[in-house]
Amino acid sequence: MSKTVHILKLCVGADAVEDLIDWQRSRAALNPDGLPHHVTRMWPRRATEVLNGGCLYWVFKGLVLARQRILRLDEVVGGDGILRCGLVLDPDVIRTEPQPRRPFQGWRYLDPSEAPRDLPVRREGDDPLPPELSAALADLGLR
């Protein structure tokens, strides 16, 4: 049986989870299959483990706040002719407990035992807590 591993990636250009959701909705229609994807330079060496239930965990301003299941890896050739990896994602963005992360370049593997837990689904009309407040509550064990 194959182990599962996740990928951790900075969400550059987005200040909040809502920004990621809005961007993916506007770009998803441009993909042939209608699914959001994120193109990265490096192909995961642990692709089998990533595709065994792995997720892409998104870091916003130093905090992991959301994840998306990785459905498949597509070869993408850039305008420069270089082969890249397209992480094809489930359109459902799942919010997670805030987890601090230092800045890094590219992406990193994330062991499932180190991944933040999912937050409960919000009720319609609930306002999201600011990430800093949500992280403080999590530190106190209240969220």
Protein backbone atom coordinates (compact mmCIF):
# COMPACT_ATOMS: atom_id res chain seq x y z
CA MET A 1 0.00 0.00 0.00
CA SER A 2 1.31 3.43 -0.94
CA LYS A 3 1.72 6.18 1.61
CA THR A 4 0.06 9.59 1.18
CA VAL A 5 1.94 12.87 1.16
CA HIS A 6 0.64 16.43 0.72
CA ILE A 7 2.14 19.49 -0.92
CA LEU A 8 2.52 22.83 0.84
CA LYS A 9 2.58 25.99 -1.34
CA LEU A 10 2.52 29.74 -0.76
CA CYS A 11 -0.56 31.37 -2.27
CA VAL A 12 1.24 34.27 -3.91
CA GLY A 13 -0.91 37.23 -4.85
CA ALA A 14 -3.83 36.29 -2.59
CA ASP A 15 -4.41 37.87 0.81
CA ALA A 16 -7.28 35.59 1.83
CA VAL A 17 -8.92 32.27 0.95
CA GLU A 18 -11.69 34.19 -0.82
CA ASP A 19 -9.11 35.65 -3.23
CA LEU A 20 -7.98 32.13 -4.19
CA ILE A 21 -11.57 30.97 -4.67
CA ASP A 22 -12.42 34.00 -6.85
CA TRP A 23 -9.27 33.58 -8.95
CA GLN A 24 -9.88 29.87 -9.51
CA ARG A 25 -13.48 30.45 -10.51
CA SER A 26 -12.45 33.03 -13.09
CA ARG A 27 -9.66 30.82 -14.49
CA ALA A 28 -11.39 27.41 -14.27
CA ALA A 29 -13.45 28.08 -17.39
CA LEU A 30 -10.22 28.38 -19.40
CA ASN A 31 -9.21 24.78 -18.63
CA PRO A 32 -10.48 22.12 -21.03
CA ASP A 33 -11.98 20.04 -18.19
CA GLY A 34 -13.16 23.05 -16.16
CA LEU A 35 -11.03 22.12 -13.12
CA PRO A 36 -8.67 24.56 -11.41
CA HIS A 37 -4.99 23.83 -11.66
CA HIS A 38 -1.74 25.30 -10.46
CA VAL A 39 1.37 25.09 -12.62
CA THR A 40 4.72 24.62 -10.92
CA ARG A 41 8.22 24.21 -12.32
CA MET A 42 9.13 20.97 -10.60
CA TRP A 43 7.45 17.58 -11.00
CA PRO A 44 6.97 15.82 -7.62
CA ARG A 45 9.39 12.90 -7.25
CA ARG A 46 6.86 11.40 -4.86
CA ALA A 47 4.01 11.67 -7.40
CA THR A 48 2.57 8.26 -6.49
CA GLU A 49 2.21 9.35 -2.84
CA VAL A 50 0.77 12.74 -3.83
CA LEU A 51 -1.84 11.03 -6.02
CA ASN A 52 -2.76 8.63 -3.21
CA GLY A 53 -5.13 11.14 -1.56
CA GLY A 54 -2.73 14.08 -1.29
CA CYS A 55 -3.84 17.69 -1.04
CA LEU A 56 -2.34 21.05 -1.86
CA TYR A 57 -2.19 23.07 1.37
CA TRP A 58 -2.22 26.82 0.73
CA VAL A 59 -0.22 29.30 2.85
CA PHE A 60 -1.58 32.87 3.06
CA LYS A 61 0.59 35.54 4.74
CA GLY A 62 2.47 32.98 6.84
CA LEU A 63 -0.54 30.81 7.77
CA VAL A 64 -1.86 27.58 6.25
CA LEU A 65 -5.57 28.37 5.86
CA ALA A 66 -6.94 26.03 3.16
CA ARG A 67 -6.44 22.86 1.18
CA GLN A 68 -7.59 21.29 -2.07
CA ARG A 69 -7.40 17.64 -3.06
CA ILE A 70 -4.95 16.93 -5.90
CA LEU A 71 -6.80 14.95 -8.57
CA ARG A 72 -4.00 14.42 -11.06
CA LEU A 73 -0.72 15.78 -12.42
CA ASP A 74 -0.69 17.05 -16.01
CA GLU A 75 2.32 17.81 -18.17
CA VAL A 76 2.25 21.48 -19.16
CA VAL A 77 4.67 22.97 -21.66
CA GLY A 78 5.26 26.67 -21.07
CA GLY A 79 5.68 29.32 -23.73
CA ASP A 80 9.42 28.83 -23.31
CA GLY A 81 9.15 25.15 -24.27
CA ILE A 82 9.99 23.94 -20.75
CA LEU A 83 7.96 21.04 -19.33
CA ARG A 84 6.19 21.87 -16.07
CA CYS A 85 3.77 20.14 -13.70
CA GLY A 86 0.09 21.10 -13.60
CA LEU A 87 -1.46 20.19 -10.25
CA VAL A 88 -5.11 19.58 -11.17
CA LEU A 89 -7.24 20.38 -8.14
CA ASP A 90 -10.67 19.58 -6.79
CA PRO A 91 -12.69 22.82 -7.07
CA ASP A 92 -13.75 22.52 -3.40
CA VAL A 93 -11.51 24.68 -1.22
CA ILE A 94 -11.55 23.36 2.36
CA ARG A 95 -10.58 25.77 5.12
CA THR A 96 -8.15 24.51 7.75
CA GLU A 97 -7.14 25.54 11.20
CA PRO A 98 -4.51 28.28 10.88
CA GLN A 99 -1.01 26.87 11.10
CA PRO A 100 2.02 29.19 11.00
CA ARG A 101 4.62 28.59 8.28
CA ARG A 102 7.82 30.46 7.53
CA PRO A 103 8.31 31.78 4.00
CA PHE A 104 9.86 29.40 1.45
CA GLN A 105 10.23 29.20 -2.30
CA GLY A 106 8.53 26.67 -4.53
CA TRP A 107 6.64 23.99 -2.64
CA ARG A 108 7.37 21.46 0.09
CA TYR A 109 6.08 18.03 0.98
CA LEU A 110 3.82 17.90 4.02
CA ASP A 111 3.42 14.71 6.03
CA PRO A 112 -0.25 14.02 6.87
CA SER A 113 0.65 13.90 10.59
CA GLU A 114 1.78 17.56 10.37
CA ALA A 115 -1.20 18.84 8.37
CA PRO A 116 -3.68 21.18 10.06
CA ARG A 117 -7.19 19.90 10.76
CA ASP A 118 -10.14 21.02 8.68
CA LEU A 119 -12.39 23.70 10.10
CA PRO A 120 -16.10 22.97 10.45
CA VAL A 121 -18.16 24.14 7.49
CA ARG A 122 -19.50 27.65 8.08
CA ARG A 123 -23.18 28.37 8.05
CA GLU A 124 -24.45 30.62 5.30
CA GLY A 125 -24.26 34.23 6.44
CA ASP A 126 -21.40 33.63 8.90
CA ASP A 127 -18.56 36.09 8.50
CA PRO A 128 -15.10 34.50 8.38
CA LEU A 129 -12.82 35.36 11.27
CA PRO A 130 -9.71 37.35 10.38
CA PRO A 131 -6.79 34.89 10.04
CA GLU A 132 -4.87 36.50 12.92
CA LEU A 133 -7.82 36.10 15.30
CA SER A 134 -8.47 32.54 14.15
CA ALA A 135 -4.77 31.68 14.70
CA ALA A 136 -4.84 33.22 18.20
CA LEU A 137 -7.94 31.20 19.10
CA ALA A 138 -6.30 28.03 17.78
CA ASP A 139 -3.21 28.73 19.93
CA LEU A 140 -5.51 28.93 22.95
CA GLY A 141 -7.26 25.71 21.96
CA LEU A 142 -10.55 27.53 21.38
CA ARG A 143 -10.96 26.91 17.67
